[in-house]
PDB file of N, CA and C in Angstrom:
ATOM      1  N   UNK A   1      -8.741  20.755   1.680  1.00  0.00           N
ATOM      2  CA  UNK A   1      -7.363  21.018   2.038  1.00  0.00           C
ATOM      3  C   UNK A   1      -7.029  20.272   3.321  1.00  0.00           C
ATOM      4  N   UNK A   2      -5.848  19.717   3.360  1.00  0.00           N
ATOM      5  CA  UNK A   2      -5.434  18.952   4.527  1.00  0.00           C
ATOM      6  C   UNK A   2      -4.923  19.882   5.618  1.00  0.00           C
ATOM      7  N   UNK A   3      -5.324  19.570   6.840  1.00  0.00           N
ATOM      8  CA  UNK A   3      -4.853  20.351   7.973  1.00  0.00           C
ATOM      9  C   UNK A   3      -3.534  19.837   8.517  1.00  0.00           C
ATOM     10  N   UNK A   4      -3.271  18.564   8.288  1.00  0.00           N
ATOM     11  CA  UNK A   4      -2.023  17.996   8.785  1.00  0.00           C
ATOM     12  C   UNK A   4      -1.459  17.037   7.744  1.00  0.00           C
ATOM     13  N   UNK A   5      -0.170  16.886   7.765  1.00  0.00           N
ATOM     14  CA  UNK A   5       0.494  15.934   6.880  1.00  0.00           C
ATOM     15  C   UNK A   5       1.254  14.971   7.763  1.00  0.00           C
ATOM     16  N   UNK A   6       1.020  13.702   7.741  1.00  0.00           N
ATOM     17  CA  UNK A   6      -0.064  13.027   7.046  1.00  0.00           C
ATOM     18  C   UNK A   6      -1.400  13.290   7.728  1.00  0.00           C
ATOM     19  N   UNK A   7      -2.500  13.119   7.001  1.00  0.00           N
ATOM     20  CA  UNK A   7      -3.816  13.407   7.589  1.00  0.00           C
ATOM     21  C   UNK A   7      -4.094  12.538   8.812  1.00  0.00           C
ATOM     22  N   UNK A   8      -4.776  13.107   9.772  1.00  0.00           N
ATOM     23  CA  UNK A   8      -5.035  12.410  11.028  1.00  0.00           C
ATOM     24  C   UNK A   8      -6.067  11.292  10.882  1.00  0.00           C
ATOM     25  N   UNK A   9      -6.923  11.342   9.868  1.00  0.00           N
ATOM     26  CA  UNK A   9      -7.985  10.355   9.742  1.00  0.00           C
ATOM     27  C   UNK A   9      -7.484   9.009   9.260  1.00  0.00           C
ATOM     28  N   UNK A  10      -6.232   8.943   8.791  1.00  0.00           N
ATOM     29  CA  UNK A  10      -5.712   7.683   8.274  1.00  0.00           C
ATOM     30  C   UNK A  10      -4.736   7.068   9.259  1.00  0.00           C
ATOM     31  N   UNK A  11      -4.776   5.747   9.345  1.00  0.00           N
ATOM     32  CA  UNK A  11      -3.873   5.021  10.221  1.00  0.00           C
ATOM     33  C   UNK A  11      -2.525   4.882   9.534  1.00  0.00           C
ATOM     34  N   UNK A  12      -1.583   5.751   9.817  1.00  0.00           N
ATOM     35  CA  UNK A  12      -0.266   5.738   9.171  1.00  0.00           C
ATOM     36  C   UNK A  12       0.676   4.832   9.933  1.00  0.00           C
ATOM     37  N   UNK A  13       0.769   3.601   9.480  1.00  0.00           N
ATOM     38  CA  UNK A  13       1.715   2.654  10.052  1.00  0.00           C
ATOM     39  C   UNK A  13       2.891   2.530   9.085  1.00  0.00           C
ATOM     40  N   UNK A  14       3.902   1.826   9.510  1.00  0.00           N
ATOM     41  CA  UNK A  14       5.057   1.614   8.631  1.00  0.00           C
ATOM     42  C   UNK A  14       4.639   0.878   7.367  1.00  0.00           C
ATOM     43  N   UNK A  15       3.786  -0.130   7.517  1.00  0.00           N
ATOM     44  CA  UNK A  15       3.316  -0.879   6.358  1.00  0.00           C
ATOM     45  C   UNK A  15       2.533  -0.015   5.381  1.00  0.00           C
ATOM     46  N   UNK A  16       1.706   0.887   5.894  1.00  0.00           N
ATOM     47  CA  UNK A  16       0.930   1.780   5.042  1.00  0.00           C
ATOM     48  C   UNK A  16       1.842   2.708   4.253  1.00  0.00           C
ATOM     49  N   UNK A  17       2.826   3.252   4.912  1.00  0.00           N
ATOM     50  CA  UNK A  17       3.757   4.167   4.249  1.00  0.00           C
ATOM     51  C   UNK A  17       4.593   3.432   3.199  1.00  0.00           C
ATOM     52  N   UNK A  18       5.048   2.227   3.524  1.00  0.00           N
ATOM     53  CA  UNK A  18       5.825   1.437   2.558  1.00  0.00           C
ATOM     54  C   UNK A  18       4.961   1.085   1.351  1.00  0.00           C
ATOM     55  N   UNK A  19       3.721   0.666   1.581  1.00  0.00           N
ATOM     56  CA  UNK A  19       2.810   0.310   0.494  1.00  0.00           C
ATOM     57  C   UNK A  19       2.552   1.505  -0.416  1.00  0.00           C
ATOM     58  N   UNK A  20       2.184   2.626   0.158  1.00  0.00           N
ATOM     59  CA  UNK A  20       1.892   3.822  -0.625  1.00  0.00           C
ATOM     60  C   UNK A  20       3.137   4.301  -1.379  1.00  0.00           C
ATOM     61  N   UNK A  21       4.286   4.263  -0.725  1.00  0.00           N
ATOM     62  CA  UNK A  21       5.529   4.671  -1.382  1.00  0.00           C
ATOM     63  C   UNK A  21       5.876   3.748  -2.546  1.00  0.00           C
ATOM     64  N   UNK A  22       5.637   2.454  -2.379  1.00  0.00           N
ATOM     65  CA  UNK A  22       5.907   1.497  -3.448  1.00  0.00           C
ATOM     66  C   UNK A  22       5.024   1.769  -4.656  1.00  0.00           C
ATOM     67  N   UNK A  23       3.743   2.004  -4.434  1.00  0.00           N
ATOM     68  CA  UNK A  23       2.825   2.299  -5.538  1.00  0.00           C
ATOM     69  C   UNK A  23       3.256   3.581  -6.249  1.00  0.00           C
ATOM     70  N   UNK A  24       3.620   4.605  -5.493  1.00  0.00           N
ATOM     71  CA  UNK A  24       4.049   5.868  -6.094  1.00  0.00           C
ATOM     72  C   UNK A  24       5.331   5.664  -6.903  1.00  0.00           C
ATOM     73  N   UNK A  25       6.295   4.918  -6.363  1.00  0.00           N
ATOM     74  CA  UNK A  25       7.537   4.658  -7.092  1.00  0.00           C
ATOM     75  C   UNK A  25       7.298   3.831  -8.356  1.00  0.00           C
ATOM     76  N   UNK A  26       6.417   2.838  -8.283  1.00  0.00           N
ATOM     77  CA  UNK A  26       6.100   2.039  -9.470  1.00  0.00           C
ATOM     78  C   UNK A  26       5.440   2.885 -10.549  1.00  0.00           C
ATOM     79  N   UNK A  27       4.490   3.731 -10.164  1.00  0.00           N
ATOM     80  CA  UNK A  27       3.825   4.588 -11.149  1.00  0.00           C
ATOM     81  C   UNK A  27       4.804   5.591 -11.749  1.00  0.00           C
ATOM     82  N   UNK A  28       5.693   6.134 -10.930  1.00  0.00           N
ATOM     83  CA  UNK A  28       6.708   7.051 -11.445  1.00  0.00           C
ATOM     84  C   UNK A  28       7.656   6.326 -12.393  1.00  0.00           C
ATOM     85  N   UNK A  29       8.057   5.113 -12.018  1.00  0.00           N
ATOM     86  CA  UNK A  29       8.929   4.321 -12.870  1.00  0.00           C
ATOM     87  C   UNK A  29       8.280   3.980 -14.203  1.00  0.00           C
ATOM     88  N   UNK A  30       6.999   3.618 -14.173  1.00  0.00           N
ATOM     89  CA  UNK A  30       6.291   3.325 -15.417  1.00  0.00           C
ATOM     90  C   UNK A  30       6.160   4.567 -16.287  1.00  0.00           C
ATOM     91  N   UNK A  31       5.970   5.722 -15.669  1.00  0.00           N
ATOM     92  CA  UNK A  31       5.872   6.965 -16.436  1.00  0.00           C
ATOM     93  C   UNK A  31       7.195   7.276 -17.127  1.00  0.00           C
ATOM     94  N   UNK A  32       8.291   7.165 -16.390  1.00  0.00           N
ATOM     95  CA  UNK A  32       9.611   7.431 -16.974  1.00  0.00           C
ATOM     96  C   UNK A  32       9.921   6.414 -18.068  1.00  0.00           C
ATOM     97  N   UNK A  33       9.597   5.144 -17.822  1.00  0.00           N
ATOM     98  CA  UNK A  33       9.830   4.095 -18.813  1.00  0.00           C
ATOM     99  C   UNK A  33       9.043   4.376 -20.089  1.00  0.00           C
ATOM    100  N   UNK A  34       7.797   4.813 -19.945  1.00  0.00           N
ATOM    101  CA  UNK A  34       6.973   5.088 -21.118  1.00  0.00           C
ATOM    102  C   UNK A  34       7.447   6.338 -21.860  1.00  0.00           C
ATOM    103  N   UNK A  35       8.029   7.297 -21.151  1.00  0.00           N
ATOM    104  CA  UNK A  35       8.551   8.485 -21.821  1.00  0.00           C
ATOM    105  C   UNK A  35       9.821   8.142 -22.602  1.00  0.00           C
ATOM    106  N   UNK A  36      10.656   7.249 -22.065  1.00  0.00           N
ATOM    107  CA  UNK A  36      11.892   6.885 -22.749  1.00  0.00           C
ATOM    108  C   UNK A  36      11.671   5.853 -23.845  1.00  0.00           C
ATOM    109  N   UNK A  37      10.765   4.913 -23.619  1.00  0.00           N
ATOM    110  CA  UNK A  37      10.486   3.850 -24.587  1.00  0.00           C
ATOM    111  C   UNK A  37       8.974   3.667 -24.673  1.00  0.00           C
ATOM    112  N   UNK A  38       8.307   4.467 -25.533  1.00  0.00           N
ATOM    113  CA  UNK A  38       6.842   4.375 -25.604  1.00  0.00           C
ATOM    114  C   UNK A  38       6.393   2.956 -25.972  1.00  0.00           C
ATOM    115  N   UNK A  39       5.447   2.484 -25.205  1.00  0.00           N
ATOM    116  CA  UNK A  39       4.909   1.152 -25.466  1.00  0.00           C
ATOM    117  C   UNK A  39       3.862   1.203 -26.560  1.00  0.00           C
ATOM    118  N   UNK A  40       3.424   0.061 -26.980  1.00  0.00           N
ATOM    119  CA  UNK A  40       2.400  -0.026 -28.010  1.00  0.00           C
ATOM    120  C   UNK A  40       1.274  -0.890 -27.464  1.00  0.00           C
ATOM    121  N   UNK A  41       0.125  -0.731 -28.057  1.00  0.00           N
ATOM    122  CA  UNK A  41      -1.019  -1.540 -27.657  1.00  0.00           C
ATOM    123  C   UNK A  41      -0.889  -2.927 -28.259  1.00  0.00           C
ATOM    124  N   UNK A  42      -1.312  -3.910 -27.499  1.00  0.00           N
ATOM    125  CA  UNK A  42      -1.357  -5.269 -28.017  1.00  0.00           C
ATOM    126  C   UNK A  42      -2.529  -5.988 -27.377  1.00  0.00           C
ATOM    127  N   UNK A  43      -3.002  -7.015 -28.070  1.00  0.00           N
ATOM    128  CA  UNK A  43      -4.079  -7.825 -27.520  1.00  0.00           C
ATOM    129  C   UNK A  43      -3.473  -8.894 -26.635  1.00  0.00           C
ATOM    130  N   UNK A  44      -4.103  -9.091 -25.496  1.00  0.00           N
ATOM    131  CA  UNK A  44      -3.605 -10.087 -24.566  1.00  0.00           C
ATOM    132  C   UNK A  44      -4.166 -11.462 -24.850  1.00  0.00           C
ATOM    133  N   UNK A  45      -3.682 -12.428 -24.087  1.00  0.00           N
ATOM    134  CA  UNK A  45      -4.148 -13.795 -24.231  1.00  0.00           C
ATOM    135  C   UNK A  45      -5.499 -13.990 -23.548  1.00  0.00           C
ATOM    136  N   UNK A  46      -5.685 -13.343 -22.398  1.00  0.00           N
ATOM    137  CA  UNK A  46      -6.923 -13.517 -21.646  1.00  0.00           C
ATOM    138  C   UNK A  46      -7.997 -12.509 -22.018  1.00  0.00           C
ATOM    139  N   UNK A  47      -7.611 -11.274 -22.278  1.00  0.00           N
ATOM    140  CA  UNK A  47      -8.564 -10.236 -22.678  1.00  0.00           C
ATOM    141  C   UNK A  47      -8.342  -9.896 -24.145  1.00  0.00           C
ATOM    142  N   UNK A  48      -9.327 -10.105 -24.975  1.00  0.00           N
ATOM    143  CA  UNK A  48      -9.134  -9.830 -26.409  1.00  0.00           C
ATOM    144  C   UNK A  48      -9.341  -8.352 -26.762  1.00  0.00           C
ATOM    145  N   UNK A  49      -8.756  -7.459 -25.947  1.00  0.00           N
ATOM    146  CA  UNK A  49      -8.821  -6.027 -26.233  1.00  0.00           C
ATOM    147  C   UNK A  49      -7.397  -5.485 -26.244  1.00  0.00           C
ATOM    148  N   UNK A  50      -7.199  -4.408 -26.956  1.00  0.00           N
ATOM    149  CA  UNK A  50      -5.871  -3.793 -27.020  1.00  0.00           C
ATOM    150  C   UNK A  50      -5.599  -3.029 -25.725  1.00  0.00           C
ATOM    151  N   UNK A  51      -4.499  -3.355 -25.087  1.00  0.00           N
ATOM    152  CA  UNK A  51      -4.110  -2.669 -23.856  1.00  0.00           C
ATOM    153  C   UNK A  51      -2.648  -2.266 -23.940  1.00  0.00           C
ATOM    154  N   UNK A  52      -2.309  -1.215 -23.227  1.00  0.00           N
ATOM    155  CA  UNK A  52      -0.926  -0.782 -23.148  1.00  0.00           C
ATOM    156  C   UNK A  52      -0.290  -1.343 -21.880  1.00  0.00           C
ATOM    157  N   UNK A  53       0.991  -1.114 -21.729  1.00  0.00           N
ATOM    158  CA  UNK A  53       1.724  -1.558 -20.549  1.00  0.00           C
ATOM    159  C   UNK A  53       1.101  -0.974 -19.279  1.00  0.00           C
ATOM    160  N   UNK A  54       0.759   0.298 -19.306  1.00  0.00           N
ATOM    161  CA  UNK A  54       0.155   0.958 -18.150  1.00  0.00           C
ATOM    162  C   UNK A  54      -1.226   0.407 -17.829  1.00  0.00           C
ATOM    163  N   UNK A  55      -2.019   0.108 -18.864  1.00  0.00           N
ATOM    164  CA  UNK A  55      -3.331  -0.497 -18.642  1.00  0.00           C
ATOM    165  C   UNK A  55      -3.203  -1.836 -17.921  1.00  0.00           C
ATOM    166  N   UNK A  56      -2.272  -2.642 -18.375  1.00  0.00           N
ATOM    167  CA  UNK A  56      -2.077  -3.959 -17.774  1.00  0.00           C
ATOM    168  C   UNK A  56      -1.564  -3.840 -16.335  1.00  0.00           C
ATOM    169  N   UNK A  57      -0.702  -2.856 -16.086  1.00  0.00           N
ATOM    170  CA  UNK A  57      -0.228  -2.631 -14.719  1.00  0.00           C
ATOM    171  C   UNK A  57      -1.382  -2.211 -13.814  1.00  0.00           C
ATOM    172  N   UNK A  58      -2.243  -1.317 -14.304  1.00  0.00           N
ATOM    173  CA  UNK A  58      -3.391  -0.863 -13.525  1.00  0.00           C
ATOM    174  C   UNK A  58      -4.333  -2.027 -13.232  1.00  0.00           C
ATOM    175  N   UNK A  59      -4.580  -2.881 -14.225  1.00  0.00           N
ATOM    176  CA  UNK A  59      -5.439  -4.049 -13.995  1.00  0.00           C
ATOM    177  C   UNK A  59      -4.820  -4.982 -12.960  1.00  0.00           C
ATOM    178  N   UNK A  60      -3.503  -5.114 -12.990  1.00  0.00           N
ATOM    179  CA  UNK A  60      -2.823  -5.922 -11.983  1.00  0.00           C
ATOM    180  C   UNK A  60      -2.981  -5.346 -10.588  1.00  0.00           C
ATOM    181  N   UNK A  61      -2.902  -4.011 -10.464  1.00  0.00           N
ATOM    182  CA  UNK A  61      -3.122  -3.376  -9.160  1.00  0.00           C
ATOM    183  C   UNK A  61      -4.545  -3.600  -8.670  1.00  0.00           C
ATOM    184  N   UNK A  62      -5.516  -3.488  -9.576  1.00  0.00           N
ATOM    185  CA  UNK A  62      -6.913  -3.728  -9.192  1.00  0.00           C
ATOM    186  C   UNK A  62      -7.117  -5.172  -8.733  1.00  0.00           C
ATOM    187  N   UNK A  63      -6.573  -6.123  -9.481  1.00  0.00           N
ATOM    188  CA  UNK A  63      -6.692  -7.531  -9.088  1.00  0.00           C
ATOM    189  C   UNK A  63      -6.065  -7.786  -7.725  1.00  0.00           C
ATOM    190  N   UNK A  64      -4.916  -7.176  -7.494  1.00  0.00           N
ATOM    191  CA  UNK A  64      -4.248  -7.348  -6.211  1.00  0.00           C
ATOM    192  C   UNK A  64      -5.086  -6.758  -5.083  1.00  0.00           C
ATOM    193  N   UNK A  65      -5.679  -5.587  -5.300  1.00  0.00           N
ATOM    194  CA  UNK A  65      -6.527  -4.973  -4.280  1.00  0.00           C
ATOM    195  C   UNK A  65      -7.752  -5.811  -3.962  1.00  0.00           C
ATOM    196  N   UNK A  66      -8.379  -6.351  -4.992  1.00  0.00           N
ATOM    197  CA  UNK A  66      -9.552  -7.204  -4.775  1.00  0.00           C
ATOM    198  C   UNK A  66      -9.152  -8.464  -4.025  1.00  0.00           C
ATOM    199  N   UNK A  67      -8.062  -9.087  -4.442  1.00  0.00           N
ATOM    200  CA  UNK A  67      -7.580 -10.300  -3.800  1.00  0.00           C
ATOM    201  C   UNK A  67      -7.209 -10.026  -2.339  1.00  0.00           C
ATOM    202  N   UNK A  68      -6.572  -8.898  -2.085  1.00  0.00           N
ATOM    203  CA  UNK A  68      -6.190  -8.519  -0.727  1.00  0.00           C
ATOM    204  C   UNK A  68      -7.419  -8.382   0.163  1.00  0.00           C
ATOM    205  N   UNK A  69      -8.440  -7.688  -0.341  1.00  0.00           N
ATOM    206  CA  UNK A  69      -9.673  -7.503   0.447  1.00  0.00           C
ATOM    207  C   UNK A  69     -10.362  -8.834   0.727  1.00  0.00           C
ATOM    208  N   UNK A  70     -10.415  -9.714  -0.263  1.00  0.00           N
ATOM    209  CA  UNK A  70     -11.039 -11.023  -0.064  1.00  0.00           C
ATOM    210  C   UNK A  70     -10.278 -11.864   0.955  1.00  0.00           C
ATOM    211  N   UNK A  71      -8.950 -11.889   0.853  1.00  0.00           N
ATOM    212  CA  UNK A  71      -8.177 -12.676   1.818  1.00  0.00           C
ATOM    213  C   UNK A  71      -8.297 -12.113   3.226  1.00  0.00           C
ATOM    214  N   UNK A  72      -8.296 -10.798   3.360  1.00  0.00           N
ATOM    215  CA  UNK A  72      -8.460 -10.215   4.695  1.00  0.00           C
ATOM    216  C   UNK A  72      -9.835 -10.515   5.259  1.00  0.00           C
ATOM    217  N   UNK A  73     -10.858 -10.515   4.402  1.00  0.00           N
ATOM    218  CA  UNK A  73     -12.211 -10.807   4.868  1.00  0.00           C
ATOM    219  C   UNK A  73     -12.333 -12.250   5.355  1.00  0.00           C
ATOM    220  N   UNK A  74     -11.692 -13.177   4.661  1.00  0.00           N
ATOM    221  CA  UNK A  74     -11.843 -14.586   5.009  1.00  0.00           C
ATOM    222  C   UNK A  74     -10.815 -15.091   6.020  1.00  0.00           C
ATOM    223  N   UNK A  75      -9.578 -14.583   5.969  1.00  0.00           N
ATOM    224  CA  UNK A  75      -8.521 -15.133   6.816  1.00  0.00           C
ATOM    225  C   UNK A  75      -7.948 -14.158   7.834  1.00  0.00           C
ATOM    226  N   UNK A  76      -8.270 -12.896   7.738  1.00  0.00           N
ATOM    227  CA  UNK A  76      -7.773 -11.921   8.693  1.00  0.00           C
ATOM    228  C   UNK A  76      -6.363 -11.459   8.359  1.00  0.00           C
ATOM    229  N   UNK A  77      -5.754 -10.711   9.251  1.00  0.00           N
ATOM    230  CA  UNK A  77      -4.433 -10.130   8.996  1.00  0.00           C
ATOM    231  C   UNK A  77      -3.312 -11.145   8.814  1.00  0.00           C
ATOM    232  N   UNK A  78      -3.527 -12.394   9.200  1.00  0.00           N
ATOM    233  CA  UNK A  78      -2.464 -13.389   9.068  1.00  0.00           C
ATOM    234  C   UNK A  78      -2.133 -13.693   7.605  1.00  0.00           C
ATOM    235  N   UNK A  79      -3.012 -13.307   6.684  1.00  0.00           N
ATOM    236  CA  UNK A  79      -2.794 -13.585   5.257  1.00  0.00           C
ATOM    237  C   UNK A  79      -2.085 -12.440   4.530  1.00  0.00           C
ATOM    238  N   UNK A  80      -1.618 -11.437   5.257  1.00  0.00           N
ATOM    239  CA  UNK A  80      -1.059 -10.244   4.611  1.00  0.00           C
ATOM    240  C   UNK A  80       0.168 -10.562   3.762  1.00  0.00           C
ATOM    241  N   UNK A  81       1.078 -11.385   4.233  1.00  0.00           N
ATOM    242  CA  UNK A  81       2.287 -11.683   3.446  1.00  0.00           C
ATOM    243  C   UNK A  81       1.961 -12.549   2.240  1.00  0.00           C
ATOM    244  N   UNK A  82       0.951 -13.370   2.351  1.00  0.00           N
ATOM    245  CA  UNK A  82       0.501 -14.145   1.189  1.00  0.00           C
ATOM    246  C   UNK A  82       0.033 -13.209   0.089  1.00  0.00           C
ATOM    247  N   UNK A  83      -0.646 -12.142   0.476  1.00  0.00           N
ATOM    248  CA  UNK A  83      -1.143 -11.179  -0.499  1.00  0.00           C
ATOM    249  C   UNK A  83      -0.002 -10.429  -1.164  1.00  0.00           C
ATOM    250  N   UNK A  84       1.046 -10.131  -0.438  1.00  0.00           N
ATOM    251  CA  UNK A  84       2.188  -9.437  -1.033  1.00  0.00           C
ATOM    252  C   UNK A  84       2.802 -10.296  -2.139  1.00  0.00           C
ATOM    253  N   UNK A  85       3.027 -11.559  -1.849  1.00  0.00           N
ATOM    254  CA  UNK A  85       3.599 -12.463  -2.847  1.00  0.00           C
ATOM    255  C   UNK A  85       2.639 -12.639  -4.019  1.00  0.00           C
ATOM    256  N   UNK A  86       1.366 -12.873  -3.715  1.00  0.00           N
ATOM    257  CA  UNK A  86       0.371 -13.044  -4.778  1.00  0.00           C
ATOM    258  C   UNK A  86       0.215 -11.762  -5.592  1.00  0.00           C
ATOM    259  N   UNK A  87       0.332 -10.608  -4.963  1.00  0.00           N
ATOM    260  CA  UNK A  87       0.223  -9.341  -5.673  1.00  0.00           C
ATOM    261  C   UNK A  87       1.316  -9.167  -6.709  1.00  0.00           C
ATOM    262  N   UNK A  88       2.533  -9.523  -6.344  1.00  0.00           N
ATOM    263  CA  UNK A  88       3.638  -9.446  -7.305  1.00  0.00           C
ATOM    264  C   UNK A  88       3.367 -10.385  -8.478  1.00  0.00           C
ATOM    265  N   UNK A  89       2.875 -11.583  -8.177  1.00  0.00           N
ATOM    266  CA  UNK A  89       2.556 -12.539  -9.242  1.00  0.00           C
ATOM    267  C   UNK A  89       1.398 -12.052 -10.102  1.00  0.00           C
ATOM    268  N   UNK A  90       0.369 -11.473  -9.480  1.00  0.00           N
ATOM    269  CA  UNK A  90      -0.773 -10.948 -10.234  1.00  0.00           C
ATOM    270  C   UNK A  90      -0.342  -9.836 -11.193  1.00  0.00           C
ATOM    271  N   UNK A  91       0.463  -8.908 -10.690  1.00  0.00           N
ATOM    272  CA  UNK A  91       0.889  -7.791 -11.540  1.00  0.00           C
ATOM    273  C   UNK A  91       1.783  -8.293 -12.661  1.00  0.00           C
ATOM    274  N   UNK A  92       2.689  -9.195 -12.347  1.00  0.00           N
ATOM    275  CA  UNK A  92       3.518  -9.782 -13.404  1.00  0.00           C
ATOM    276  C   UNK A  92       2.693 -10.536 -14.425  1.00  0.00           C
ATOM    277  N   UNK A  93       1.703 -11.273 -13.960  1.00  0.00           N
ATOM    278  CA  UNK A  93       0.824 -11.991 -14.869  1.00  0.00           C
ATOM    279  C   UNK A  93      -0.036 -11.074 -15.692  1.00  0.00           C
ATOM    280  N   UNK A  94      -0.518  -9.998 -15.088  1.00  0.00           N
ATOM    281  CA  UNK A  94      -1.354  -9.049 -15.829  1.00  0.00           C
ATOM    282  C   UNK A  94      -0.553  -8.360 -16.928  1.00  0.00           C
ATOM    283  N   UNK A  95       0.683  -8.015 -16.639  1.00  0.00           N
ATOM    284  CA  UNK A  95       1.514  -7.357 -17.655  1.00  0.00           C
ATOM    285  C   UNK A  95       1.847  -8.345 -18.773  1.00  0.00           C
ATOM    286  N   UNK A  96       2.027  -9.603 -18.442  1.00  0.00           N
ATOM    287  CA  UNK A  96       2.401 -10.591 -19.450  1.00  0.00           C
ATOM    288  C   UNK A  96       1.225 -11.135 -20.243  1.00  0.00           C
ATOM    289  N   UNK A  97       0.100 -11.409 -19.593  1.00  0.00           N
ATOM    290  CA  UNK A  97      -0.962 -12.155 -20.246  1.00  0.00           C
ATOM    291  C   UNK A  97      -2.217 -11.365 -20.588  1.00  0.00           C
ATOM    292  N   UNK A  98      -2.444 -10.210 -19.973  1.00  0.00           N
ATOM    293  CA  UNK A  98      -3.666  -9.446 -20.288  1.00  0.00           C
ATOM    294  C   UNK A  98      -3.487  -8.697 -21.581  1.00  0.00           C
TER     295      UNK A  98
END
């Protein structure tokens, strides 16, 4: 159970709050979209397995997280905006091509 909201152990900056809020809004939007217009499984171009819209979105989030960690490890915080742009492209690509 949390003693404080937001928890004290996390560095709550404006960027952290915006990032977390964006992920929550995207997941909520995908949930509402899937309830109104259920998606179907399809095989992607890169992965020959059946995936749904939500699966592809989740894979895009994972790719973006991995890419973000790698860029921060090699280039430091100066690469943060590059990751934001690349993240949007990764998620769009994952939804389209996976």
